[in-house]
Amino acid sequence: MDSAVALNLKIDLVDPHRQEEKIKNGDPAILMKKVINDGESVPQKEIDDATEQAVKNGLFTLSEIIFNKQHDRALVSYSFVCGELCGQGRLLLLKKVGGKWKIHKTCQEWLR
């Protein structure tokens, strides 16, 4: 995970179940389905605003970090979900090299 992820972000600890409901209710996919399935005309600005709001309300989760006995390798996963069609996650194997943790391998990755 790039250190830029944490720069200039407003992060709040939230109840994940409440946040998932908030994401579900504000999902821009709802508007997109109206356009695709129902043939409704939805202004692009409305879709853009819903998308921006979905990202702001996204839920970032970070797993517990698991270390090997030598404490030079670790396994951690994270995900960011902001809607039915918005999100990503990874399972990372980290390795300590020269006193610093580096991503050694991405074991699993998903995108929405």
PDB file of N, CA and C in Angstrom:
ATOM      1  N   MET A   1       0.848  -1.161   0.000  1.00  0.00           N
ATOM      2  CA  MET A   1       0.000   0.000   0.000  1.00  0.00           C
ATOM      3  C   MET A   1       0.898   1.228   0.000  1.00  0.00           C
ATOM      4  N   ASP A   2       0.676   2.091  -0.910  1.00  0.00           N
ATOM      5  CA  ASP A   2       1.475   3.300  -1.057  1.00  0.00           C
ATOM      6  C   ASP A   2       1.218   4.243   0.115  1.00  0.00           C
ATOM      7  N   SER A   3       2.277   4.875   0.622  1.00  0.00           N
ATOM      8  CA  SER A   3       2.116   5.791   1.751  1.00  0.00           C
ATOM      9  C   SER A   3       1.255   6.992   1.390  1.00  0.00           C
ATOM     10  N   ALA A   4       1.099   7.287   0.102  1.00  0.00           N
ATOM     11  CA  ALA A   4       0.254   8.399  -0.330  1.00  0.00           C
ATOM     12  C   ALA A   4      -1.207   8.175   0.024  1.00  0.00           C
ATOM     13  N   VAL A   5      -1.581   6.925   0.278  1.00  0.00           N
ATOM     14  CA  VAL A   5      -2.965   6.615   0.638  1.00  0.00           C
ATOM     15  C   VAL A   5      -3.373   7.393   1.882  1.00  0.00           C
ATOM     16  N   ALA A   6      -2.451   7.568   2.808  1.00  0.00           N
ATOM     17  CA  ALA A   6      -2.771   8.204   4.083  1.00  0.00           C
ATOM     18  C   ALA A   6      -2.602   9.727   4.064  1.00  0.00           C
ATOM     19  N   LEU A   7      -2.131  10.285   2.985  1.00  0.00           N
ATOM     20  CA  LEU A   7      -1.890  11.724   2.935  1.00  0.00           C
ATOM     21  C   LEU A   7      -3.182  12.490   2.682  1.00  0.00           C
ATOM     22  N   ASN A   8      -3.374  13.552   3.441  1.00  0.00           N
ATOM     23  CA  ASN A   8      -4.480  14.483   3.231  1.00  0.00           C
ATOM     24  C   ASN A   8      -5.853  13.829   3.230  1.00  0.00           C
ATOM     25  N   LEU A   9      -6.040  12.769   3.970  1.00  0.00           N
ATOM     26  CA  LEU A   9      -7.341  12.127   4.050  1.00  0.00           C
ATOM     27  C   LEU A   9      -7.967  12.386   5.401  1.00  0.00           C
ATOM     28  N   LYS A  10      -9.276  12.519   5.388  1.00  0.00           N
ATOM     29  CA  LYS A  10     -10.019  12.603   6.640  1.00  0.00           C
ATOM     30  C   LYS A  10     -10.528  11.196   6.913  1.00  0.00           C
ATOM     31  N   ILE A  11     -10.069  10.594   7.996  1.00  0.00           N
ATOM     32  CA  ILE A  11     -10.435   9.226   8.318  1.00  0.00           C
ATOM     33  C   ILE A  11     -11.156   9.211   9.658  1.00  0.00           C
ATOM     34  N   ASP A  12     -12.316   8.556   9.687  1.00  0.00           N
ATOM     35  CA  ASP A  12     -13.090   8.397  10.912  1.00  0.00           C
ATOM     36  C   ASP A  12     -13.281   6.914  11.179  1.00  0.00           C
ATOM     37  N   LEU A  13     -13.219   6.521  12.443  1.00  0.00           N
ATOM     38  CA  LEU A  13     -13.570   5.160  12.810  1.00  0.00           C
ATOM     39  C   LEU A  13     -15.089   5.078  12.839  1.00  0.00           C
ATOM     40  N   VAL A  14     -15.643   4.065  12.174  1.00  0.00           N
ATOM     41  CA  VAL A  14     -17.089   3.948  12.054  1.00  0.00           C
ATOM     42  C   VAL A  14     -17.538   2.528  12.358  1.00  0.00           C
ATOM     43  N   ASP A  15     -18.812   2.390  12.616  1.00  0.00           N
ATOM     44  CA  ASP A  15     -19.420   1.074  12.734  1.00  0.00           C
ATOM     45  C   ASP A  15     -19.542   0.528  11.312  1.00  0.00           C
ATOM     46  N   PRO A  16     -18.875  -0.578  10.985  1.00  0.00           N
ATOM     47  CA  PRO A  16     -18.872  -1.061   9.601  1.00  0.00           C
ATOM     48  C   PRO A  16     -20.262  -1.398   9.066  1.00  0.00           C
ATOM     49  N   HIS A  17     -21.153  -1.898   9.921  1.00  0.00           N
ATOM     50  CA  HIS A  17     -22.493  -2.251   9.452  1.00  0.00           C
ATOM     51  C   HIS A  17     -23.294  -1.006   9.081  1.00  0.00           C
ATOM     52  N   ARG A  18     -23.181   0.031   9.884  1.00  0.00           N
ATOM     53  CA  ARG A  18     -23.849   1.304   9.563  1.00  0.00           C
ATOM     54  C   ARG A  18     -23.277   1.905   8.287  1.00  0.00           C
ATOM     55  N   GLN A  19     -21.960   1.853   8.159  1.00  0.00           N
ATOM     56  CA  GLN A  19     -21.316   2.443   6.987  1.00  0.00           C
ATOM     57  C   GLN A  19     -21.690   1.684   5.724  1.00  0.00           C
ATOM     58  N   GLU A  20     -21.783   0.358   5.801  1.00  0.00           N
ATOM     59  CA  GLU A  20     -22.190  -0.441   4.643  1.00  0.00           C
ATOM     60  C   GLU A  20     -23.597  -0.048   4.190  1.00  0.00           C
ATOM     61  N   GLU A  21     -24.478   0.225   5.144  1.00  0.00           N
ATOM     62  CA  GLU A  21     -25.840   0.657   4.811  1.00  0.00           C
ATOM     63  C   GLU A  21     -25.821   2.026   4.133  1.00  0.00           C
ATOM     64  N   LYS A  22     -24.975   2.903   4.628  1.00  0.00           N
ATOM     65  CA  LYS A  22     -24.825   4.235   4.034  1.00  0.00           C
ATOM     66  C   LYS A  22     -24.302   4.125   2.599  1.00  0.00           C
ATOM     67  N   ILE A  23     -23.341   3.233   2.397  1.00  0.00           N
ATOM     68  CA  ILE A  23     -22.784   3.008   1.056  1.00  0.00           C
ATOM     69  C   ILE A  23     -23.867   2.451   0.140  1.00  0.00           C
ATOM     70  N   LYS A  24     -24.608   1.490   0.627  1.00  0.00           N
ATOM     71  CA  LYS A  24     -25.663   0.853  -0.168  1.00  0.00           C
ATOM     72  C   LYS A  24     -26.715   1.875  -0.606  1.00  0.00           C
ATOM     73  N   ASN A  25     -27.144   2.745   0.304  1.00  0.00           N
ATOM     74  CA  ASN A  25     -28.180   3.729  -0.006  1.00  0.00           C
ATOM     75  C   ASN A  25     -27.707   4.827  -0.954  1.00  0.00           C
ATOM     76  N   GLY A  26     -26.414   5.142  -0.944  1.00  0.00           N
ATOM     77  CA  GLY A  26     -25.889   6.201  -1.802  1.00  0.00           C
ATOM     78  C   GLY A  26     -25.114   5.691  -3.005  1.00  0.00           C
ATOM     79  N   ASP A  27     -25.260   4.412  -3.317  1.00  0.00           N
ATOM     80  CA  ASP A  27     -24.489   3.773  -4.386  1.00  0.00           C
ATOM     81  C   ASP A  27     -24.827   4.371  -5.756  1.00  0.00           C
ATOM     82  N   PRO A  28     -23.836   4.897  -6.480  1.00  0.00           N
ATOM     83  CA  PRO A  28     -24.094   5.441  -7.820  1.00  0.00           C
ATOM     84  C   PRO A  28     -24.580   4.379  -8.803  1.00  0.00           C
ATOM     85  N   ALA A  29     -24.391   3.114  -8.489  1.00  0.00           N
ATOM     86  CA  ALA A  29     -24.886   2.042  -9.360  1.00  0.00           C
ATOM     87  C   ALA A  29     -26.408   2.104  -9.470  1.00  0.00           C
ATOM     88  N   ILE A  30     -27.078   2.639  -8.442  1.00  0.00           N
ATOM     89  CA  ILE A  30     -28.536   2.795  -8.495  1.00  0.00           C
ATOM     90  C   ILE A  30     -28.914   3.692  -9.668  1.00  0.00           C
ATOM     91  N   LEU A  31     -28.223   4.823  -9.806  1.00  0.00           N
ATOM     92  CA  LEU A  31     -28.485   5.740 -10.926  1.00  0.00           C
ATOM     93  C   LEU A  31     -28.127   5.107 -12.264  1.00  0.00           C
ATOM     94  N   MET A  32     -27.001   4.400 -12.301  1.00  0.00           N
ATOM     95  CA  MET A  32     -26.569   3.773 -13.550  1.00  0.00           C
ATOM     96  C   MET A  32     -27.567   2.714 -14.011  1.00  0.00           C
ATOM     97  N   LYS A  33     -28.148   1.983 -13.057  1.00  0.00           N
ATOM     98  CA  LYS A  33     -29.155   0.978 -13.408  1.00  0.00           C
ATOM     99  C   LYS A  33     -30.408   1.635 -13.979  1.00  0.00           C
ATOM    100  N   LYS A  34     -30.759   2.819 -13.460  1.00  0.00           N
ATOM    101  CA  LYS A  34     -31.905   3.545 -14.015  1.00  0.00           C
ATOM    102  C   LYS A  34     -31.671   3.880 -15.476  1.00  0.00           C
ATOM    103  N   VAL A  35     -30.450   4.278 -15.791  1.00  0.00           N
ATOM    104  CA  VAL A  35     -30.108   4.626 -17.166  1.00  0.00           C
ATOM    105  C   VAL A  35     -30.087   3.378 -18.046  1.00  0.00           C
ATOM    106  N   ILE A  36     -29.396   2.343 -17.591  1.00  0.00           N
ATOM    107  CA  ILE A  36     -29.201   1.139 -18.413  1.00  0.00           C
ATOM    108  C   ILE A  36     -30.473   0.300 -18.504  1.00  0.00           C
ATOM    109  N   ASN A  37     -31.078   0.007 -17.358  1.00  0.00           N
ATOM    110  CA  ASN A  37     -32.221  -0.908 -17.334  1.00  0.00           C
ATOM    111  C   ASN A  37     -33.550  -0.240 -17.664  1.00  0.00           C
ATOM    112  N   ASP A  38     -33.737   0.998 -17.192  1.00  0.00           N
ATOM    113  CA  ASP A  38     -35.027   1.653 -17.338  1.00  0.00           C
ATOM    114  C   ASP A  38     -35.052   2.719 -18.426  1.00  0.00           C
ATOM    115  N   GLY A  39     -33.887   3.007 -19.014  1.00  0.00           N
ATOM    116  CA  GLY A  39     -33.814   4.005 -20.077  1.00  0.00           C
ATOM    117  C   GLY A  39     -34.081   5.430 -19.611  1.00  0.00           C
ATOM    118  N   GLU A  40     -33.962   5.659 -18.299  1.00  0.00           N
ATOM    119  CA  GLU A  40     -34.176   7.005 -17.769  1.00  0.00           C
ATOM    120  C   GLU A  40     -33.017   7.927 -18.130  1.00  0.00           C
ATOM    121  N   SER A  41     -33.327   9.192 -18.193  1.00  0.00           N
ATOM    122  CA  SER A  41     -32.298  10.197 -18.452  1.00  0.00           C
ATOM    123  C   SER A  41     -31.836  10.764 -17.105  1.00  0.00           C
ATOM    124  N   VAL A  42     -30.601  10.489 -16.749  1.00  0.00           N
ATOM    125  CA  VAL A  42     -30.023  10.990 -15.502  1.00  0.00           C
ATOM    126  C   VAL A  42     -28.856  11.893 -15.879  1.00  0.00           C
ATOM    127  N   PRO A  43     -28.884  13.155 -15.435  1.00  0.00           N
ATOM    128  CA  PRO A  43     -27.794  14.080 -15.774  1.00  0.00           C
ATOM    129  C   PRO A  43     -26.432  13.539 -15.307  1.00  0.00           C
ATOM    130  N   GLN A  44     -25.414  13.738 -16.121  1.00  0.00           N
ATOM    131  CA  GLN A  44     -24.066  13.271 -15.788  1.00  0.00           C
ATOM    132  C   GLN A  44     -23.584  13.859 -14.474  1.00  0.00           C
ATOM    133  N   LYS A  45     -23.939  15.115 -14.205  1.00  0.00           N
ATOM    134  CA  LYS A  45     -23.520  15.751 -12.955  1.00  0.00           C
ATOM    135  C   LYS A  45     -24.073  14.992 -11.749  1.00  0.00           C
ATOM    136  N   GLU A  46     -25.292  14.482 -11.852  1.00  0.00           N
ATOM    137  CA  GLU A  46     -25.892  13.725 -10.756  1.00  0.00           C
ATOM    138  C   GLU A  46     -25.115  12.427 -10.508  1.00  0.00           C
ATOM    139  N   ILE A  47     -24.708  11.776 -11.591  1.00  0.00           N
ATOM    140  CA  ILE A  47     -23.904  10.556 -11.466  1.00  0.00           C
ATOM    141  C   ILE A  47     -22.533  10.879 -10.894  1.00  0.00           C
ATOM    142  N   ASP A  48     -21.913  11.963 -11.387  1.00  0.00           N
ATOM    143  CA  ASP A  48     -20.595  12.383 -10.883  1.00  0.00           C
ATOM    144  C   ASP A  48     -20.655  12.726  -9.398  1.00  0.00           C
ATOM    145  N   ASP A  49     -21.702  13.453  -8.983  1.00  0.00           N
ATOM    146  CA  ASP A  49     -21.852  13.827  -7.575  1.00  0.00           C
ATOM    147  C   ASP A  49     -22.051  12.590  -6.701  1.00  0.00           C
ATOM    148  N   ALA A  50     -22.866  11.643  -7.186  1.00  0.00           N
ATOM    149  CA  ALA A  50     -23.106  10.409  -6.430  1.00  0.00           C
ATOM    150  C   ALA A  50     -21.813   9.596  -6.306  1.00  0.00           C
ATOM    151  N   THR A  51     -21.025   9.561  -7.365  1.00  0.00           N
ATOM    152  CA  THR A  51     -19.756   8.833  -7.340  1.00  0.00           C
ATOM    153  C   THR A  51     -18.778   9.467  -6.354  1.00  0.00           C
ATOM    154  N   GLU A  52     -18.686  10.790  -6.392  1.00  0.00           N
ATOM    155  CA  GLU A  52     -17.799  11.508  -5.464  1.00  0.00           C
ATOM    156  C   GLU A  52     -18.224  11.260  -4.016  1.00  0.00           C
ATOM    157  N   GLN A  53     -19.513  11.305  -3.756  1.00  0.00           N
ATOM    158  CA  GLN A  53     -20.018  11.074  -2.410  1.00  0.00           C
ATOM    159  C   GLN A  53     -19.769   9.631  -1.970  1.00  0.00           C
ATOM    160  N   ALA A  54     -19.911   8.680  -2.912  1.00  0.00           N
ATOM    161  CA  ALA A  54     -19.675   7.267  -2.592  1.00  0.00           C
ATOM    162  C   ALA A  54     -18.234   7.042  -2.154  1.00  0.00           C
ATOM    163  N   VAL A  55     -17.298   7.655  -2.850  1.00  0.00           N
ATOM    164  CA  VAL A  55     -15.884   7.510  -2.487  1.00  0.00           C
ATOM    165  C   VAL A  55     -15.629   8.142  -1.116  1.00  0.00           C
ATOM    166  N   LYS A  56     -16.243   9.280  -0.845  1.00  0.00           N
ATOM    167  CA  LYS A  56     -16.077   9.925   0.465  1.00  0.00           C
ATOM    168  C   LYS A  56     -16.646   9.064   1.591  1.00  0.00           C
ATOM    169  N   ASN A  57     -17.698   8.300   1.296  1.00  0.00           N
ATOM    170  CA  ASN A  57     -18.322   7.457   2.312  1.00  0.00           C
ATOM    171  C   ASN A  57     -17.792   6.030   2.308  1.00  0.00           C
ATOM    172  N   GLY A  58     -16.776   5.766   1.497  1.00  0.00           N
ATOM    173  CA  GLY A  58     -16.245   4.411   1.367  1.00  0.00           C
ATOM    174  C   GLY A  58     -15.757   3.850   2.694  1.00  0.00           C
ATOM    175  N   LEU A  59     -15.743   2.526   2.762  1.00  0.00           N
ATOM    176  CA  LEU A  59     -15.325   1.822   3.968  1.00  0.00           C
ATOM    177  C   LEU A  59     -13.984   1.139   3.714  1.00  0.00           C
ATOM    178  N   PHE A  60     -12.971   1.565   4.448  1.00  0.00           N
ATOM    179  CA  PHE A  60     -11.630   0.986   4.366  1.00  0.00           C
ATOM    180  C   PHE A  60     -11.464   0.052   5.554  1.00  0.00           C
ATOM    181  N   THR A  61     -11.095  -1.184   5.279  1.00  0.00           N
ATOM    182  CA  THR A  61     -10.841  -2.130   6.367  1.00  0.00           C
ATOM    183  C   THR A  61      -9.423  -2.672   6.247  1.00  0.00           C
ATOM    184  N   LEU A  62      -8.825  -2.917   7.383  1.00  0.00           N
ATOM    185  CA  LEU A  62      -7.467  -3.435   7.456  1.00  0.00           C
ATOM    186  C   LEU A  62      -7.490  -4.618   8.411  1.00  0.00           C
ATOM    187  N   SER A  63      -6.939  -5.731   7.968  1.00  0.00           N
ATOM    188  CA  SER A  63      -6.942  -6.931   8.806  1.00  0.00           C
ATOM    189  C   SER A  63      -5.894  -6.827   9.910  1.00  0.00           C
ATOM    190  N   GLU A  64      -5.974  -7.774  10.808  1.00  0.00           N
ATOM    191  CA  GLU A  64      -4.917  -7.960  11.785  1.00  0.00           C
ATOM    192  C   GLU A  64      -3.665  -8.389  11.012  1.00  0.00           C
ATOM    193  N   ILE A  65      -2.506  -7.977  11.468  1.00  0.00           N
ATOM    194  CA  ILE A  65      -1.257  -8.349  10.803  1.00  0.00           C
ATOM    195  C   ILE A  65      -0.719  -9.623  11.452  1.00  0.00           C
ATOM    196  N   ILE A  66      -0.392 -10.602  10.618  1.00  0.00           N
ATOM    197  CA  ILE A  66       0.129 -11.882  11.096  1.00  0.00           C
ATOM    198  C   ILE A  66       1.623 -11.943  10.752  1.00  0.00           C
ATOM    199  N   PHE A  67       2.456 -12.239  11.754  1.00  0.00           N
ATOM    200  CA  PHE A  67       3.902 -12.317  11.560  1.00  0.00           C
ATOM    201  C   PHE A  67       4.381 -13.755  11.654  1.00  0.00           C
ATOM    202  N   ASN A  68       5.499 -14.054  10.964  1.00  0.00           N
ATOM    203  CA  ASN A  68       6.135 -15.359  11.133  1.00  0.00           C
ATOM    204  C   ASN A  68       6.958 -15.324  12.435  1.00  0.00           C
ATOM    205  N   LYS A  69       7.528 -16.475  12.818  1.00  0.00           N
ATOM    206  CA  LYS A  69       8.283 -16.559  14.073  1.00  0.00           C
ATOM    207  C   LYS A  69       9.496 -15.648  14.090  1.00  0.00           C
ATOM    208  N   GLN A  70      10.154 -15.476  12.954  1.00  0.00           N
ATOM    209  CA  GLN A  70      11.352 -14.630  12.873  1.00  0.00           C
ATOM    210  C   GLN A  70      11.000 -13.137  12.818  1.00  0.00           C
ATOM    211  N   HIS A  71       9.723 -12.842  12.651  1.00  0.00           N
ATOM    212  CA  HIS A  71       9.228 -11.467  12.573  1.00  0.00           C
ATOM    213  C   HIS A  71       9.860 -10.685  11.414  1.00  0.00           C
ATOM    214  N   ASP A  72      10.145 -11.417  10.303  1.00  0.00           N
ATOM    215  CA  ASP A  72      10.683 -10.741   9.123  1.00  0.00           C
ATOM    216  C   ASP A  72       9.742 -10.847   7.920  1.00  0.00           C
ATOM    217  N   ARG A  73       8.606 -11.492   8.115  1.00  0.00           N
ATOM    218  CA  ARG A  73       7.564 -11.582   7.086  1.00  0.00           C
ATOM    219  C   ARG A  73       6.210 -11.388   7.776  1.00  0.00           C
ATOM    220  N   ALA A  74       5.285 -10.821   7.007  1.00  0.00           N
ATOM    221  CA  ALA A  74       3.960 -10.559   7.567  1.00  0.00           C
ATOM    222  C   ALA A  74       2.912 -10.694   6.476  1.00  0.00           C
ATOM    223  N   LEU A  75       1.704 -10.970   6.903  1.00  0.00           N
ATOM    224  CA  LEU A  75       0.578 -11.098   5.998  1.00  0.00           C
ATOM    225  C   LEU A  75      -0.504 -10.139   6.480  1.00  0.00           C
ATOM    226  N   VAL A  76      -1.040  -9.341   5.559  1.00  0.00           N
ATOM    227  CA  VAL A  76      -2.081  -8.372   5.898  1.00  0.00           C
ATOM    228  C   VAL A  76      -2.998  -8.198   4.685  1.00  0.00           C
ATOM    229  N   SER A  77      -4.255  -7.927   4.951  1.00  0.00           N
ATOM    230  CA  SER A  77      -5.169  -7.646   3.849  1.00  0.00           C
ATOM    231  C   SER A  77      -5.875  -6.324   4.118  1.00  0.00           C
ATOM    232  N   TYR A  78      -6.313  -5.696   3.043  1.00  0.00           N
ATOM    233  CA  TYR A  78      -7.098  -4.473   3.171  1.00  0.00           C
ATOM    234  C   TYR A  78      -8.130  -4.440   2.052  1.00  0.00           C
ATOM    235  N   SER A  79      -9.167  -3.658   2.290  1.00  0.00           N
ATOM    236  CA  SER A  79     -10.168  -3.455   1.251  1.00  0.00           C
ATOM    237  C   SER A  79     -10.755  -2.062   1.377  1.00  0.00           C
ATOM    238  N   PHE A  80     -11.247  -1.571   0.272  1.00  0.00           N
ATOM    239  CA  PHE A  80     -11.967  -0.300   0.226  1.00  0.00           C
ATOM    240  C   PHE A  80     -13.190  -0.529  -0.634  1.00  0.00           C
ATOM    241  N   VAL A  81     -14.366  -0.337  -0.039  1.00  0.00           N
ATOM    242  CA  VAL A  81     -15.622  -0.548  -0.756  1.00  0.00           C
ATOM    243  C   VAL A  81     -16.410   0.752  -0.726  1.00  0.00           C
ATOM    244  N   CYS A  82     -16.846   1.181  -1.911  1.00  0.00           N
ATOM    245  CA  CYS A  82     -17.626   2.417  -1.998  1.00  0.00           C
ATOM    246  C   CYS A  82     -18.898   2.229  -2.828  1.00  0.00           C
ATOM    247  N   GLY A  83     -19.245   0.984  -3.127  1.00  0.00           N
ATOM    248  CA  GLY A  83     -20.475   0.709  -3.857  1.00  0.00           C
ATOM    249  C   GLY A  83     -20.396  -0.623  -4.576  1.00  0.00           C
ATOM    250  N   GLU A  84     -21.505  -0.956  -5.235  1.00  0.00           N
ATOM    251  CA  GLU A  84     -21.585  -2.236  -5.949  1.00  0.00           C
ATOM    252  C   GLU A  84     -20.532  -2.345  -7.053  1.00  0.00           C
ATOM    253  N   LEU A  85     -20.215  -1.220  -7.670  1.00  0.00           N
ATOM    254  CA  LEU A  85     -19.241  -1.202  -8.766  1.00  0.00           C
ATOM    255  C   LEU A  85     -17.978  -0.437  -8.396  1.00  0.00           C
ATOM    256  N   CYS A  86     -17.734  -0.272  -7.115  1.00  0.00           N
ATOM    257  CA  CYS A  86     -16.630   0.585  -6.677  1.00  0.00           C
ATOM    258  C   CYS A  86     -15.921  -0.040  -5.489  1.00  0.00           C
ATOM    259  N   GLY A  87     -14.660  -0.419  -5.673  1.00  0.00           N
ATOM    260  CA  GLY A  87     -13.880  -0.921  -4.561  1.00  0.00           C
ATOM    261  C   GLY A  87     -12.694  -1.745  -5.026  1.00  0.00           C
ATOM    262  N   GLN A  88     -11.836  -2.042  -4.087  1.00  0.00           N
ATOM    263  CA  GLN A  88     -10.679  -2.896  -4.360  1.00  0.00           C
ATOM    264  C   GLN A  88     -10.158  -3.475  -3.055  1.00  0.00           C
ATOM    265  N   GLY A  89      -9.398  -4.534  -3.175  1.00  0.00           N
ATOM    266  CA  GLY A  89      -8.790  -5.131  -1.999  1.00  0.00           C
ATOM    267  C   GLY A  89      -7.590  -5.973  -2.382  1.00  0.00           C
ATOM    268  N   ARG A  90      -6.742  -6.207  -1.412  1.00  0.00           N
ATOM    269  CA  ARG A  90      -5.531  -7.003  -1.644  1.00  0.00           C
ATOM    270  C   ARG A  90      -5.148  -7.771  -0.389  1.00  0.00           C
ATOM    271  N   LEU A  91      -4.497  -8.886  -0.618  1.00  0.00           N
ATOM    272  CA  LEU A  91      -3.846  -9.664   0.427  1.00  0.00           C
ATOM    273  C   LEU A  91      -2.360  -9.569   0.121  1.00  0.00           C
ATOM    274  N   LEU A  92      -1.602  -9.045   1.063  1.00  0.00           N
ATOM    275  CA  LEU A  92      -0.184  -8.761   0.822  1.00  0.00           C
ATOM    276  C   LEU A  92       0.722  -9.591   1.712  1.00  0.00           C
ATOM    277  N   LEU A  93       1.790 -10.098   1.118  1.00  0.00           N
ATOM    278  CA  LEU A  93       2.873 -10.715   1.868  1.00  0.00           C
ATOM    279  C   LEU A  93       3.980  -9.670   1.941  1.00  0.00           C
ATOM    280  N   LEU A  94       4.314  -9.267   3.161  1.00  0.00           N
ATOM    281  CA  LEU A  94       5.344  -8.250   3.369  1.00  0.00           C
ATOM    282  C   LEU A  94       6.627  -8.918   3.840  1.00  0.00           C
ATOM    283  N   LYS A  95       7.738  -8.296   3.492  1.00  0.00           N
ATOM    284  CA  LYS A  95       9.051  -8.825   3.879  1.00  0.00           C
ATOM    285  C   LYS A  95       9.878  -7.652   4.407  1.00  0.00           C
ATOM    286  N   LYS A  96      10.576  -7.890   5.516  1.00  0.00           N
ATOM    287  CA  LYS A  96      11.422  -6.857   6.095  1.00  0.00           C
ATOM    288  C   LYS A  96      12.776  -6.907   5.412  1.00  0.00           C
ATOM    289  N   VAL A  97      13.136  -5.811   4.755  1.00  0.00           N
ATOM    290  CA  VAL A  97      14.392  -5.727   4.014  1.00  0.00           C
ATOM    291  C   VAL A  97      15.131  -4.474   4.486  1.00  0.00           C
ATOM    292  N   GLY A  98      16.326  -4.667   5.038  1.00  0.00           N
ATOM    293  CA  GLY A  98      17.107  -3.522   5.516  1.00  0.00           C
ATOM    294  C   GLY A  98      16.384  -2.710   6.565  1.00  0.00           C
ATOM    295  N   GLY A  99      15.613  -3.382   7.403  1.00  0.00           N
ATOM    296  CA  GLY A  99      14.899  -2.690   8.477  1.00  0.00           C
ATOM    297  C   GLY A  99      13.587  -2.048   8.065  1.00  0.00           C
ATOM    298  N   LYS A 100      13.212  -2.167   6.788  1.00  0.00           N
ATOM    299  CA  LYS A 100      11.961  -1.583   6.307  1.00  0.00           C
ATOM    300  C   LYS A 100      11.067  -2.664   5.714  1.00  0.00           C
ATOM    301  N   TRP A 101       9.769  -2.505   5.903  1.00  0.00           N
ATOM    302  CA  TRP A 101       8.808  -3.449   5.345  1.00  0.00           C
ATOM    303  C   TRP A 101       8.526  -3.113   3.889  1.00  0.00           C
ATOM    304  N   LYS A 102       8.600  -4.127   3.050  1.00  0.00           N
ATOM    305  CA  LYS A 102       8.353  -3.988   1.605  1.00  0.00           C
ATOM    306  C   LYS A 102       7.299  -5.009   1.190  1.00  0.00           C
ATOM    307  N   ILE A 103       6.508  -4.660   0.182  1.00  0.00           N
ATOM    308  CA  ILE A 103       5.572  -5.634  -0.369  1.00  0.00           C
ATOM    309  C   ILE A 103       6.382  -6.656  -1.153  1.00  0.00           C
ATOM    310  N   HIS A 104       6.339  -7.891  -0.709  1.00  0.00           N
ATOM    311  CA  HIS A 104       7.074  -8.972  -1.359  1.00  0.00           C
ATOM    312  C   HIS A 104       6.220  -9.613  -2.449  1.00  0.00           C
ATOM    313  N   LYS A 105       4.935  -9.774  -2.147  1.00  0.00           N
ATOM    314  CA  LYS A 105       4.060 -10.444  -3.109  1.00  0.00           C
ATOM    315  C   LYS A 105       2.608 -10.065  -2.833  1.00  0.00           C
ATOM    316  N   THR A 106       1.847  -9.852  -3.898  1.00  0.00           N
ATOM    317  CA  THR A 106       0.403  -9.687  -3.783  1.00  0.00           C
ATOM    318  C   THR A 106      -0.200 -11.052  -4.043  1.00  0.00           C
ATOM    319  N   CYS A 107      -0.800 -11.637  -3.022  1.00  0.00           N
ATOM    320  CA  CYS A 107      -1.309 -13.007  -3.129  1.00  0.00           C
ATOM    321  C   CYS A 107      -2.716 -13.053  -3.712  1.00  0.00           C
ATOM    322  N   GLN A 108      -3.479 -12.015  -3.506  1.00  0.00           N
ATOM    323  CA  GLN A 108      -4.852 -11.995  -3.961  1.00  0.00           C
ATOM    324  C   GLN A 108      -5.224 -10.536  -4.182  1.00  0.00           C
ATOM    325  N   GLU A 109      -5.983 -10.287  -5.229  1.00  0.00           N
ATOM    326  CA  GLU A 109      -6.408  -8.923  -5.523  1.00  0.00           C
ATOM    327  C   GLU A 109      -7.787  -8.947  -6.148  1.00  0.00           C
ATOM    328  N   TRP A 110      -8.620  -7.991  -5.796  1.00  0.00           N
ATOM    329  CA  TRP A 110      -9.928  -7.903  -6.431  1.00  0.00           C
ATOM    330  C   TRP A 110     -10.274  -6.449  -6.702  1.00  0.00           C
ATOM    331  N   LEU A 111     -11.053  -6.244  -7.728  1.00  0.00           N
ATOM    332  CA  LEU A 111     -11.541  -4.921  -8.107  1.00  0.00           C
ATOM    333  C   LEU A 111     -13.026  -5.021  -8.392  1.00  0.00           C
ATOM    334  N   ARG A 112     -13.745  -3.980  -8.099  1.00  0.00           N
ATOM    335  CA  ARG A 112     -15.164  -3.909  -8.458  1.00  0.00           C
ATOM    336  C   ARG A 112     -15.340  -2.956  -9.594  1.00  0.00           C
TER     337      ARG A 112
END
